Amino acid sequence: MSKTLEYKDYNGSIEYSEEDGLLYGKVIGVRALISYEGMTIADLIEDFHNAIDDYLELCKDKGIQPEKAYKGTFNVRISPDLHRQAAIYALTHDMSLNSFVAEAVADEIQKKSAVG
């Protein structure tokens, strides 16, 4: 079973409440609270899709732009020394710091995906 759901470029978590005997989750990567639940995986997926559709319809009705997760920019806090090393590495390899970080992240994800 996948650990996340995906629909219309939104991702949601899959959680289980033993106490309530149900599955539930929330859309991740956005500030808006968009939650859903179901007794079965099929119910959970259906409610997830409905929650996304409702959110998009609400935004349309209010004339506001729906929030998008993972816009492609994020702040990373690292030590000044590591920042310096990364910047020098990128410069000496004819690449931008952004390109170097993007490549390093992609390489790490590929390694982790190959293992598990």
PDB file of N, CA and C in Angstrom:
ATOM      1  N   MET A   1       0.846  -1.176   0.000  1.00  0.00           N
ATOM      2  CA  MET A   1       0.000   0.000   0.000  1.00  0.00           C
ATOM      3  C   MET A   1       0.890   1.236   0.000  1.00  0.00           C
ATOM      4  N   SER A   2       0.567   2.192  -0.845  1.00  0.00           N
ATOM      5  CA  SER A   2       1.283   3.455  -0.900  1.00  0.00           C
ATOM      6  C   SER A   2       1.068   4.219   0.403  1.00  0.00           C
ATOM      7  N   LYS A   3       2.021   5.043   0.745  1.00  0.00           N
ATOM      8  CA  LYS A   3       1.907   5.831   1.976  1.00  0.00           C
ATOM      9  C   LYS A   3       1.274   7.187   1.741  1.00  0.00           C
ATOM     10  N   THR A   4       1.032   7.523   0.460  1.00  0.00           N
ATOM     11  CA  THR A   4       0.385   8.787   0.131  1.00  0.00           C
ATOM     12  C   THR A   4      -0.596   8.585  -1.019  1.00  0.00           C
ATOM     13  N   LEU A   5      -1.508   9.522  -1.136  1.00  0.00           N
ATOM     14  CA  LEU A   5      -2.462   9.553  -2.239  1.00  0.00           C
ATOM     15  C   LEU A   5      -2.086  10.717  -3.143  1.00  0.00           C
ATOM     16  N   GLU A   6      -2.440  10.632  -4.426  1.00  0.00           N
ATOM     17  CA  GLU A   6      -2.166  11.718  -5.357  1.00  0.00           C
ATOM     18  C   GLU A   6      -3.373  11.922  -6.256  1.00  0.00           C
ATOM     19  N   TYR A   7      -3.745  13.199  -6.429  1.00  0.00           N
ATOM     20  CA  TYR A   7      -4.879  13.552  -7.272  1.00  0.00           C
ATOM     21  C   TYR A   7      -4.751  15.014  -7.658  1.00  0.00           C
ATOM     22  N   LYS A   8      -4.808  15.288  -8.941  1.00  0.00           N
ATOM     23  CA  LYS A   8      -4.739  16.666  -9.465  1.00  0.00           C
ATOM     24  C   LYS A   8      -3.554  17.448  -8.895  1.00  0.00           C
ATOM     25  N   ASP A   9      -2.396  16.813  -8.848  1.00  0.00           N
ATOM     26  CA  ASP A   9      -1.147  17.416  -8.350  1.00  0.00           C
ATOM     27  C   ASP A   9      -1.163  17.739  -6.854  1.00  0.00           C
ATOM     28  N   TYR A  10      -2.073  17.138  -6.119  1.00  0.00           N
ATOM     29  CA  TYR A  10      -2.084  17.263  -4.662  1.00  0.00           C
ATOM     30  C   TYR A  10      -1.764  15.895  -4.077  1.00  0.00           C
ATOM     31  N   ASN A  11      -1.069  15.896  -2.936  1.00  0.00           N
ATOM     32  CA  ASN A  11      -0.726  14.668  -2.241  1.00  0.00           C
ATOM     33  C   ASN A  11      -1.351  14.676  -0.869  1.00  0.00           C
ATOM     34  N   GLY A  12      -1.753  13.507  -0.418  1.00  0.00           N
ATOM     35  CA  GLY A  12      -2.364  13.389   0.897  1.00  0.00           C
ATOM     36  C   GLY A  12      -1.806  12.207   1.674  1.00  0.00           C
ATOM     37  N   SER A  13      -1.835  12.329   2.963  1.00  0.00           N
ATOM     38  CA  SER A  13      -1.344  11.270   3.841  1.00  0.00           C
ATOM     39  C   SER A  13      -2.393  10.183   4.009  1.00  0.00           C
ATOM     40  N   ILE A  14      -1.945   9.031   4.448  1.00  0.00           N
ATOM     41  CA  ILE A  14      -2.829   7.923   4.803  1.00  0.00           C
ATOM     42  C   ILE A  14      -2.498   7.539   6.241  1.00  0.00           C
ATOM     43  N   GLU A  15      -3.460   7.693   7.116  1.00  0.00           N
ATOM     44  CA  GLU A  15      -3.282   7.374   8.537  1.00  0.00           C
ATOM     45  C   GLU A  15      -4.386   6.408   8.955  1.00  0.00           C
ATOM     46  N   TYR A  16      -4.161   5.733  10.082  1.00  0.00           N
ATOM     47  CA  TYR A  16      -5.177   4.820  10.604  1.00  0.00           C
ATOM     48  C   TYR A  16      -5.400   5.118  12.076  1.00  0.00           C
ATOM     49  N   SER A  17      -6.675   5.264  12.446  1.00  0.00           N
ATOM     50  CA  SER A  17      -7.030   5.455  13.846  1.00  0.00           C
ATOM     51  C   SER A  17      -7.557   4.127  14.378  1.00  0.00           C
ATOM     52  N   GLU A  18      -6.761   3.484  15.190  1.00  0.00           N
ATOM     53  CA  GLU A  18      -7.191   2.212  15.779  1.00  0.00           C
ATOM     54  C   GLU A  18      -8.390   2.441  16.694  1.00  0.00           C
ATOM     55  N   GLU A  19      -8.366   3.542  17.411  1.00  0.00           N
ATOM     56  CA  GLU A  19      -9.449   3.886  18.334  1.00  0.00           C
ATOM     57  C   GLU A  19     -10.790   4.028  17.619  1.00  0.00           C
ATOM     58  N   ASP A  20     -10.773   4.704  16.454  1.00  0.00           N
ATOM     59  CA  ASP A  20     -12.006   4.938  15.706  1.00  0.00           C
ATOM     60  C   ASP A  20     -12.262   3.881  14.636  1.00  0.00           C
ATOM     61  N   GLY A  21     -11.243   3.073  14.344  1.00  0.00           N
ATOM     62  CA  GLY A  21     -11.381   2.048  13.333  1.00  0.00           C
ATOM     63  C   GLY A  21     -11.584   2.608  11.937  1.00  0.00           C
ATOM     64  N   LEU A  22     -10.888   3.726  11.632  1.00  0.00           N
ATOM     65  CA  LEU A  22     -11.043   4.306  10.302  1.00  0.00           C
ATOM     66  C   LEU A  22      -9.731   4.861   9.784  1.00  0.00           C
ATOM     67  N   LEU A  23      -9.708   5.033   8.484  1.00  0.00           N
ATOM     68  CA  LEU A  23      -8.580   5.644   7.806  1.00  0.00           C
ATOM     69  C   LEU A  23      -8.860   7.135   7.655  1.00  0.00           C
ATOM     70  N   TYR A  24      -7.822   7.929   7.702  1.00  0.00           N
ATOM     71  CA  TYR A  24      -7.987   9.369   7.536  1.00  0.00           C
ATOM     72  C   TYR A  24      -6.695   9.959   6.992  1.00  0.00           C
ATOM     73  N   GLY A  25      -6.756  11.189   6.585  1.00  0.00           N
ATOM     74  CA  GLY A  25      -5.552  11.860   6.115  1.00  0.00           C
ATOM     75  C   GLY A  25      -5.805  13.321   5.879  1.00  0.00           C
ATOM     76  N   LYS A  26      -4.747  14.011   5.468  1.00  0.00           N
ATOM     77  CA  LYS A  26      -4.856  15.419   5.114  1.00  0.00           C
ATOM     78  C   LYS A  26      -3.918  15.698   3.957  1.00  0.00           C
ATOM     79  N   VAL A  27      -4.256  16.726   3.176  1.00  0.00           N
ATOM     80  CA  VAL A  27      -3.421  17.128   2.054  1.00  0.00           C
ATOM     81  C   VAL A  27      -2.141  17.723   2.618  1.00  0.00           C
ATOM     82  N   ILE A  28      -1.022  17.299   2.064  1.00  0.00           N
ATOM     83  CA  ILE A  28       0.275  17.756   2.560  1.00  0.00           C
ATOM     84  C   ILE A  28       0.877  18.766   1.594  1.00  0.00           C
ATOM     85  N   GLY A  29       1.656  19.678   2.134  1.00  0.00           N
ATOM     86  CA  GLY A  29       2.347  20.661   1.317  1.00  0.00           C
ATOM     87  C   GLY A  29       1.570  21.940   1.074  1.00  0.00           C
ATOM     88  N   VAL A  30       0.397  22.080   1.705  1.00  0.00           N
ATOM     89  CA  VAL A  30      -0.384  23.310   1.588  1.00  0.00           C
ATOM     90  C   VAL A  30      -0.748  23.789   2.998  1.00  0.00           C
ATOM     91  N   ARG A  31      -0.988  25.080   3.129  1.00  0.00           N
ATOM     92  CA  ARG A  31      -1.362  25.622   4.443  1.00  0.00           C
ATOM     93  C   ARG A  31      -2.821  25.345   4.776  1.00  0.00           C
ATOM     94  N   ALA A  32      -3.664  25.268   3.745  1.00  0.00           N
ATOM     95  CA  ALA A  32      -5.091  25.010   3.970  1.00  0.00           C
ATOM     96  C   ALA A  32      -5.266  23.620   4.587  1.00  0.00           C
ATOM     97  N   LEU A  33      -6.207  23.507   5.511  1.00  0.00           N
ATOM     98  CA  LEU A  33      -6.498  22.197   6.101  1.00  0.00           C
ATOM     99  C   LEU A  33      -7.542  21.510   5.231  1.00  0.00           C
ATOM    100  N   ILE A  34      -7.103  20.503   4.509  1.00  0.00           N
ATOM    101  CA  ILE A  34      -7.979  19.714   3.656  1.00  0.00           C
ATOM    102  C   ILE A  34      -7.853  18.277   4.151  1.00  0.00           C
ATOM    103  N   SER A  35      -8.907  17.783   4.806  1.00  0.00           N
ATOM    104  CA  SER A  35      -8.843  16.448   5.384  1.00  0.00           C
ATOM    105  C   SER A  35      -9.926  15.561   4.780  1.00  0.00           C
ATOM    106  N   TYR A  36      -9.785  14.261   5.014  1.00  0.00           N
ATOM    107  CA  TYR A  36     -10.694  13.260   4.449  1.00  0.00           C
ATOM    108  C   TYR A  36     -10.594  12.001   5.302  1.00  0.00           C
ATOM    109  N   GLU A  37     -11.574  11.110   5.134  1.00  0.00           N
ATOM    110  CA  GLU A  37     -11.574   9.864   5.899  1.00  0.00           C
ATOM    111  C   GLU A  37     -12.394   8.810   5.182  1.00  0.00           C
ATOM    112  N   GLY A  38     -12.260   7.587   5.638  1.00  0.00           N
ATOM    113  CA  GLY A  38     -13.038   6.489   5.076  1.00  0.00           C
ATOM    114  C   GLY A  38     -12.836   5.208   5.866  1.00  0.00           C
ATOM    115  N   MET A  39     -13.784   4.323   5.745  1.00  0.00           N
ATOM    116  CA  MET A  39     -13.697   3.031   6.430  1.00  0.00           C
ATOM    117  C   MET A  39     -12.824   2.038   5.646  1.00  0.00           C
ATOM    118  N   THR A  40     -12.745   2.225   4.321  1.00  0.00           N
ATOM    119  CA  THR A  40     -11.928   1.360   3.463  1.00  0.00           C
ATOM    120  C   THR A  40     -11.003   2.246   2.638  1.00  0.00           C
ATOM    121  N   ILE A  41     -10.032   1.631   1.989  1.00  0.00           N
ATOM    122  CA  ILE A  41      -9.139   2.382   1.116  1.00  0.00           C
ATOM    123  C   ILE A  41      -9.950   3.063   0.003  1.00  0.00           C
ATOM    124  N   ALA A  42     -10.895   2.322  -0.571  1.00  0.00           N
ATOM    125  CA  ALA A  42     -11.729   2.902  -1.634  1.00  0.00           C
ATOM    126  C   ALA A  42     -12.496   4.120  -1.124  1.00  0.00           C
ATOM    127  N   ASP A  43     -13.045   4.024   0.090  1.00  0.00           N
ATOM    128  CA  ASP A  43     -13.748   5.167   0.687  1.00  0.00           C
ATOM    129  C   ASP A  43     -12.794   6.344   0.912  1.00  0.00           C
ATOM    130  N   LEU A  44     -11.605   6.037   1.386  1.00  0.00           N
ATOM    131  CA  LEU A  44     -10.610   7.077   1.665  1.00  0.00           C
ATOM    132  C   LEU A  44     -10.230   7.802   0.373  1.00  0.00           C
ATOM    133  N   ILE A  45      -9.975   7.038  -0.676  1.00  0.00           N
ATOM    134  CA  ILE A  45      -9.607   7.635  -1.959  1.00  0.00           C
ATOM    135  C   ILE A  45     -10.744   8.498  -2.498  1.00  0.00           C
ATOM    136  N   GLU A  46     -11.956   8.006  -2.415  1.00  0.00           N
ATOM    137  CA  GLU A  46     -13.109   8.774  -2.891  1.00  0.00           C
ATOM    138  C   GLU A  46     -13.259  10.078  -2.112  1.00  0.00           C
ATOM    139  N   ASP A  47     -13.120  10.012  -0.784  1.00  0.00           N
ATOM    140  CA  ASP A  47     -13.259  11.228   0.021  1.00  0.00           C
ATOM    141  C   ASP A  47     -12.093  12.186  -0.229  1.00  0.00           C
ATOM    142  N   PHE A  48     -10.901  11.667  -0.471  1.00  0.00           N
ATOM    143  CA  PHE A  48      -9.739  12.488  -0.828  1.00  0.00           C
ATOM    144  C   PHE A  48     -10.019  13.249  -2.127  1.00  0.00           C
ATOM    145  N   HIS A  49     -10.495  12.539  -3.145  1.00  0.00           N
ATOM    146  CA  HIS A  49     -10.822  13.179  -4.422  1.00  0.00           C
ATOM    147  C   HIS A  49     -11.902  14.247  -4.229  1.00  0.00           C
ATOM    148  N   ASN A  50     -12.931  13.909  -3.462  1.00  0.00           N
ATOM    149  CA  ASN A  50     -14.008  14.874  -3.199  1.00  0.00           C
ATOM    150  C   ASN A  50     -13.489  16.105  -2.464  1.00  0.00           C
ATOM    151  N   ALA A  51     -12.584  15.896  -1.502  1.00  0.00           N
ATOM    152  CA  ALA A  51     -12.032  17.015  -0.734  1.00  0.00           C
ATOM    153  C   ALA A  51     -11.239  17.953  -1.647  1.00  0.00           C
ATOM    154  N   ILE A  52     -10.455  17.392  -2.553  1.00  0.00           N
ATOM    155  CA  ILE A  52      -9.685  18.214  -3.494  1.00  0.00           C
ATOM    156  C   ILE A  52     -10.640  18.964  -4.424  1.00  0.00           C
ATOM    157  N   ASP A  53     -11.610  18.250  -4.979  1.00  0.00           N
ATOM    158  CA  ASP A  53     -12.581  18.886  -5.879  1.00  0.00           C
ATOM    159  C   ASP A  53     -13.346  19.996  -5.168  1.00  0.00           C
ATOM    160  N   ASP A  54     -13.752  19.767  -3.918  1.00  0.00           N
ATOM    161  CA  ASP A  54     -14.454  20.787  -3.136  1.00  0.00           C
ATOM    162  C   ASP A  54     -13.562  22.011  -2.903  1.00  0.00           C
ATOM    163  N   TYR A  55     -12.300  21.769  -2.583  1.00  0.00           N
ATOM    164  CA  TYR A  55     -11.352  22.860  -2.357  1.00  0.00           C
ATOM    165  C   TYR A  55     -11.188  23.699  -3.626  1.00  0.00           C
ATOM    166  N   LEU A  56     -11.002  23.034  -4.759  1.00  0.00           N
ATOM    167  CA  LEU A  56     -10.829  23.749  -6.021  1.00  0.00           C
ATOM    168  C   LEU A  56     -12.083  24.522  -6.399  1.00  0.00           C
ATOM    169  N   GLU A  57     -13.248  23.948  -6.152  1.00  0.00           N
ATOM    170  CA  GLU A  57     -14.519  24.627  -6.448  1.00  0.00           C
ATOM    171  C   GLU A  57     -14.697  25.838  -5.533  1.00  0.00           C
ATOM    172  N   LEU A  58     -14.365  25.691  -4.260  1.00  0.00           N
ATOM    173  CA  LEU A  58     -14.448  26.801  -3.317  1.00  0.00           C
ATOM    174  C   LEU A  58     -13.548  27.954  -3.763  1.00  0.00           C
ATOM    175  N   CYS A  59     -12.327  27.629  -4.166  1.00  0.00           N
ATOM    176  CA  CYS A  59     -11.404  28.665  -4.640  1.00  0.00           C
ATOM    177  C   CYS A  59     -11.967  29.360  -5.875  1.00  0.00           C
ATOM    178  N   LYS A  60     -12.530  28.584  -6.781  1.00  0.00           N
ATOM    179  CA  LYS A  60     -13.119  29.151  -7.995  1.00  0.00           C
ATOM    180  C   LYS A  60     -14.280  30.088  -7.643  1.00  0.00           C
ATOM    181  N   ASP A  61     -15.159  29.643  -6.739  1.00  0.00           N
ATOM    182  CA  ASP A  61     -16.305  30.449  -6.322  1.00  0.00           C
ATOM    183  C   ASP A  61     -15.879  31.756  -5.659  1.00  0.00           C
ATOM    184  N   LYS A  62     -14.775  31.710  -4.899  1.00  0.00           N
ATOM    185  CA  LYS A  62     -14.282  32.906  -4.207  1.00  0.00           C
ATOM    186  C   LYS A  62     -13.368  33.752  -5.087  1.00  0.00           C
ATOM    187  N   GLY A  63     -13.052  33.243  -6.275  1.00  0.00           N
ATOM    188  CA  GLY A  63     -12.177  33.977  -7.178  1.00  0.00           C
ATOM    189  C   GLY A  63     -10.747  34.071  -6.701  1.00  0.00           C
ATOM    190  N   ILE A  64     -10.299  33.049  -5.970  1.00  0.00           N
ATOM    191  CA  ILE A  64      -8.915  33.039  -5.484  1.00  0.00           C
ATOM    192  C   ILE A  64      -8.145  31.897  -6.136  1.00  0.00           C
ATOM    193  N   GLN A  65      -6.856  32.076  -6.200  1.00  0.00           N
ATOM    194  CA  GLN A  65      -5.978  31.064  -6.788  1.00  0.00           C
ATOM    195  C   GLN A  65      -5.792  29.921  -5.786  1.00  0.00           C
ATOM    196  N   PRO A  66      -6.050  28.673  -6.182  1.00  0.00           N
ATOM    197  CA  PRO A  66      -5.818  27.555  -5.262  1.00  0.00           C
ATOM    198  C   PRO A  66      -4.335  27.460  -4.901  1.00  0.00           C
ATOM    199  N   GLU A  67      -4.089  27.133  -3.666  1.00  0.00           N
ATOM    200  CA  GLU A  67      -2.707  26.965  -3.226  1.00  0.00           C
ATOM    201  C   GLU A  67      -2.137  25.705  -3.862  1.00  0.00           C
ATOM    202  N   LYS A  68      -0.921  25.794  -4.337  1.00  0.00           N
ATOM    203  CA  LYS A  68      -0.236  24.653  -4.932  1.00  0.00           C
ATOM    204  C   LYS A  68       0.909  24.245  -4.028  1.00  0.00           C
ATOM    205  N   ALA A  69       1.026  22.972  -3.823  1.00  0.00           N
ATOM    206  CA  ALA A  69       2.146  22.450  -3.045  1.00  0.00           C
ATOM    207  C   ALA A  69       3.369  22.339  -3.945  1.00  0.00           C
ATOM    208  N   TYR A  70       4.508  22.413  -3.359  1.00  0.00           N
ATOM    209  CA  TYR A  70       5.754  22.138  -4.047  1.00  0.00           C
ATOM    210  C   TYR A  70       5.942  23.017  -5.273  1.00  0.00           C
ATOM    211  N   LYS A  71       6.093  24.291  -5.016  1.00  0.00           N
ATOM    212  CA  LYS A  71       6.237  25.287  -6.074  1.00  0.00           C
ATOM    213  C   LYS A  71       7.601  25.222  -6.756  1.00  0.00           C
ATOM    214  N   GLY A  72       8.534  24.482  -6.169  1.00  0.00           N
ATOM    215  CA  GLY A  72       9.860  24.384  -6.760  1.00  0.00           C
ATOM    216  C   GLY A  72      10.893  25.255  -6.072  1.00  0.00           C
ATOM    217  N   THR A  73      10.483  25.963  -5.028  1.00  0.00           N
ATOM    218  CA  THR A  73      11.424  26.760  -4.254  1.00  0.00           C
ATOM    219  C   THR A  73      11.255  26.418  -2.780  1.00  0.00           C
ATOM    220  N   PHE A  74      12.373  26.391  -2.074  1.00  0.00           N
ATOM    221  CA  PHE A  74      12.331  26.180  -0.630  1.00  0.00           C
ATOM    222  C   PHE A  74      13.636  26.673  -0.025  1.00  0.00           C
ATOM    223  N   ASN A  75      13.581  27.050   1.221  1.00  0.00           N
ATOM    224  CA  ASN A  75      14.765  27.498   1.937  1.00  0.00           C
ATOM    225  C   ASN A  75      15.383  26.315   2.651  1.00  0.00           C
ATOM    226  N   VAL A  76      16.690  26.243   2.577  1.00  0.00           N
ATOM    227  CA  VAL A  76      17.421  25.178   3.261  1.00  0.00           C
ATOM    228  C   VAL A  76      18.415  25.837   4.200  1.00  0.00           C
ATOM    229  N   ARG A  77      18.392  25.435   5.436  1.00  0.00           N
ATOM    230  CA  ARG A  77      19.335  25.987   6.407  1.00  0.00           C
ATOM    231  C   ARG A  77      20.452  24.967   6.625  1.00  0.00           C
ATOM    232  N   ILE A  78      21.663  25.385   6.319  1.00  0.00           N
ATOM    233  CA  ILE A  78      22.844  24.554   6.535  1.00  0.00           C
ATOM    234  C   ILE A  78      23.907  25.408   7.196  1.00  0.00           C
ATOM    235  N   SER A  79      24.953  24.775   7.653  1.00  0.00           N
ATOM    236  CA  SER A  79      26.013  25.541   8.316  1.00  0.00           C
ATOM    237  C   SER A  79      26.718  26.433   7.300  1.00  0.00           C
ATOM    238  N   PRO A  80      27.264  27.540   7.762  1.00  0.00           N
ATOM    239  CA  PRO A  80      28.004  28.418   6.847  1.00  0.00           C
ATOM    240  C   PRO A  80      29.147  27.679   6.134  1.00  0.00           C
ATOM    241  N   ASP A  81      29.800  26.767   6.824  1.00  0.00           N
ATOM    242  CA  ASP A  81      30.906  26.034   6.216  1.00  0.00           C
ATOM    243  C   ASP A  81      30.410  25.126   5.081  1.00  0.00           C
ATOM    244  N   LEU A  82      29.310  24.438   5.304  1.00  0.00           N
ATOM    245  CA  LEU A  82      28.758  23.578   4.255  1.00  0.00           C
ATOM    246  C   LEU A  82      28.263  24.422   3.082  1.00  0.00           C
ATOM    247  N   HIS A  83      27.682  25.573   3.372  1.00  0.00           N
ATOM    248  CA  HIS A  83      27.241  26.501   2.329  1.00  0.00           C
ATOM    249  C   HIS A  83      28.438  26.917   1.474  1.00  0.00           C
ATOM    250  N   ARG A  84      29.519  27.296   2.139  1.00  0.00           N
ATOM    251  CA  ARG A  84      30.739  27.708   1.433  1.00  0.00           C
ATOM    252  C   ARG A  84      31.263  26.571   0.562  1.00  0.00           C
ATOM    253  N   GLN A  85      31.339  25.360   1.115  1.00  0.00           N
ATOM    254  CA  GLN A  85      31.848  24.212   0.360  1.00  0.00           C
ATOM    255  C   GLN A  85      30.977  23.918  -0.865  1.00  0.00           C
ATOM    256  N   ALA A  86      29.681  23.986  -0.692  1.00  0.00           N
ATOM    257  CA  ALA A  86      28.762  23.718  -1.803  1.00  0.00           C
ATOM    258  C   ALA A  86      28.908  24.784  -2.888  1.00  0.00           C
ATOM    259  N   ALA A  87      29.009  26.039  -2.477  1.00  0.00           N
ATOM    260  CA  ALA A  87      29.149  27.134  -3.443  1.00  0.00           C
ATOM    261  C   ALA A  87      30.456  27.003  -4.221  1.00  0.00           C
ATOM    262  N   ILE A  88      31.539  26.669  -3.534  1.00  0.00           N
ATOM    263  CA  ILE A  88      32.834  26.501  -4.205  1.00  0.00           C
ATOM    264  C   ILE A  88      32.795  25.307  -5.151  1.00  0.00           C
ATOM    265  N   TYR A  89      32.199  24.203  -4.704  1.00  0.00           N
ATOM    266  CA  TYR A  89      32.076  23.019  -5.554  1.00  0.00           C
ATOM    267  C   TYR A  89      31.304  23.370  -6.829  1.00  0.00           C
ATOM    268  N   ALA A  90      30.165  24.024  -6.672  1.00  0.00           N
ATOM    269  CA  ALA A  90      29.340  24.390  -7.832  1.00  0.00           C
ATOM    270  C   ALA A  90      30.125  25.299  -8.777  1.00  0.00           C
ATOM    271  N   LEU A  91      30.794  26.305  -8.234  1.00  0.00           N
ATOM    272  CA  LEU A  91      31.558  27.247  -9.044  1.00  0.00           C
ATOM    273  C   LEU A  91      32.667  26.541  -9.819  1.00  0.00           C
ATOM    274  N   THR A  92      33.375  25.643  -9.145  1.00  0.00           N
ATOM    275  CA  THR A  92      34.501  24.957  -9.798  1.00  0.00           C
ATOM    276  C   THR A  92      34.042  23.872 -10.769  1.00  0.00           C
ATOM    277  N   HIS A  93      32.763  23.564 -10.765  1.00  0.00           N
ATOM    278  CA  HIS A  93      32.210  22.580 -11.702  1.00  0.00           C
ATOM    279  C   HIS A  93      31.257  23.239 -12.704  1.00  0.00           C
ATOM    280  N   ASP A  94      31.409  24.542 -12.881  1.00  0.00           N
ATOM    281  CA  ASP A  94      30.635  25.316 -13.862  1.00  0.00           C
ATOM    282  C   ASP A  94      29.134  25.091 -13.754  1.00  0.00           C
ATOM    283  N   MET A  95      28.643  25.165 -12.527  1.00  0.00           N
ATOM    284  CA  MET A  95      27.200  25.041 -12.317  1.00  0.00           C
ATOM    285  C   MET A  95      26.764  26.022 -11.244  1.00  0.00           C
ATOM    286  N   SER A  96      25.485  26.338 -11.252  1.00  0.00           N
ATOM    287  CA  SER A  96      24.963  27.223 -10.214  1.00  0.00           C
ATOM    288  C   SER A  96      24.776  26.429  -8.923  1.00  0.00           C
ATOM    289  N   LEU A  97      24.703  27.139  -7.825  1.00  0.00           N
ATOM    290  CA  LEU A  97      24.438  26.480  -6.555  1.00  0.00           C
ATOM    291  C   LEU A  97      23.076  25.791  -6.598  1.00  0.00           C
ATOM    292  N   ASN A  98      22.075  26.436  -7.221  1.00  0.00           N
ATOM    293  CA  ASN A  98      20.754  25.810  -7.358  1.00  0.00           C
ATOM    294  C   ASN A  98      20.841  24.495  -8.119  1.00  0.00           C
ATOM    295  N   SER A  99      21.577  24.491  -9.233  1.00  0.00           N
ATOM    296  CA  SER A  99      21.723  23.269 -10.028  1.00  0.00           C
ATOM    297  C   SER A  99      22.419  22.179  -9.224  1.00  0.00           C
ATOM    298  N   PHE A 100      23.458  22.562  -8.498  1.00  0.00           N
ATOM    299  CA  PHE A 100      24.178  21.585  -7.679  1.00  0.00           C
ATOM    300  C   PHE A 100      23.263  20.968  -6.620  1.00  0.00           C
ATOM    301  N   VAL A 101      22.513  21.802  -5.909  1.00  0.00           N
ATOM    302  CA  VAL A 101      21.606  21.300  -4.870  1.00  0.00           C
ATOM    303  C   VAL A 101      20.520  20.419  -5.488  1.00  0.00           C
ATOM    304  N   ALA A 102      19.934  20.855  -6.610  1.00  0.00           N
ATOM    305  CA  ALA A 102      18.895  20.060  -7.268  1.00  0.00           C
ATOM    306  C   ALA A 102      19.440  18.700  -7.688  1.00  0.00           C
ATOM    307  N   GLU A 103      20.641  18.676  -8.244  1.00  0.00           N
ATOM    308  CA  GLU A 103      21.256  17.415  -8.664  1.00  0.00           C
ATOM    309  C   GLU A 103      21.541  16.513  -7.461  1.00  0.00           C
ATOM    310  N   ALA A 104      22.040  17.102  -6.382  1.00  0.00           N
ATOM    311  CA  ALA A 104      22.340  16.323  -5.183  1.00  0.00           C
ATOM    312  C   ALA A 104      21.066  15.713  -4.582  1.00  0.00           C
ATOM    313  N   VAL A 105      19.998  16.489  -4.538  1.00  0.00           N
ATOM    314  CA  VAL A 105      18.728  15.988  -4.010  1.00  0.00           C
ATOM    315  C   VAL A 105      18.201  14.871  -4.909  1.00  0.00           C
ATOM    316  N   ALA A 106      18.237  15.083  -6.225  1.00  0.00           N
ATOM    317  CA  ALA A 106      17.748  14.066  -7.167  1.00  0.00           C
ATOM    318  C   ALA A 106      18.573  12.773  -7.044  1.00  0.00           C
ATOM    319  N   ASP A 107      19.896  12.904  -6.931  1.00  0.00           N
ATOM    320  CA  ASP A 107      20.753  11.718  -6.770  1.00  0.00           C
ATOM    321  C   ASP A 107      20.405  10.957  -5.493  1.00  0.00           C
ATOM    322  N   GLU A 108      20.212  11.690  -4.417  1.00  0.00           N
ATOM    323  CA  GLU A 108      19.900  11.039  -3.129  1.00  0.00           C
ATOM    324  C   GLU A 108      18.548  10.325  -3.194  1.00  0.00           C
ATOM    325  N   ILE A 109      17.551  10.964  -3.800  1.00  0.00           N
ATOM    326  CA  ILE A 109      16.229  10.325  -3.928  1.00  0.00           C
ATOM    327  C   ILE A 109      16.329   9.082  -4.788  1.00  0.00           C
ATOM    328  N   GLN A 110      17.105   9.155  -5.863  1.00  0.00           N
ATOM    329  CA  GLN A 110      17.266   7.984  -6.740  1.00  0.00           C
ATOM    330  C   GLN A 110      17.925   6.836  -5.974  1.00  0.00           C
ATOM    331  N   LYS A 111      18.951   7.130  -5.182  1.00  0.00           N
ATOM    332  CA  LYS A 111      19.601   6.085  -4.379  1.00  0.00           C
ATOM    333  C   LYS A 111      18.639   5.464  -3.388  1.00  0.00           C
ATOM    334  N   LYS A 112      17.877   6.312  -2.683  1.00  0.00           N
ATOM    335  CA  LYS A 112      16.920   5.817  -1.680  1.00  0.00           C
ATOM    336  C   LYS A 112      15.804   5.021  -2.331  1.00  0.00           C
ATOM    337  N   SER A 113      15.337   5.449  -3.509  1.00  0.00           N
ATOM    338  CA  SER A 113      14.260   4.748  -4.210  1.00  0.00           C
ATOM    339  C   SER A 113      14.715   3.383  -4.699  1.00  0.00           C
ATOM    340  N   ALA A 114      15.968   3.269  -5.080  1.00  0.00           N
ATOM    341  CA  ALA A 114      16.500   1.996  -5.551  1.00  0.00           C
ATOM    342  C   ALA A 114      16.609   0.974  -4.423  1.00  0.00           C
ATOM    343  N   VAL A 115      16.830   1.463  -3.201  1.00  0.00           N
ATOM    344  CA  VAL A 115      16.969   0.581  -2.036  1.00  0.00           C
ATOM    345  C   VAL A 115      15.614   0.133  -1.521  1.00  0.00           C
ATOM    346  N   GLY A 116      14.668   1.022  -1.436  1.00  0.00           N
ATOM    347  CA  GLY A 116      13.418   0.638  -0.800  1.00  0.00           C
ATOM    348  C   GLY A 116      12.240   1.076  -1.520  1.00  0.00           C
TER     349      GLY A 116
END
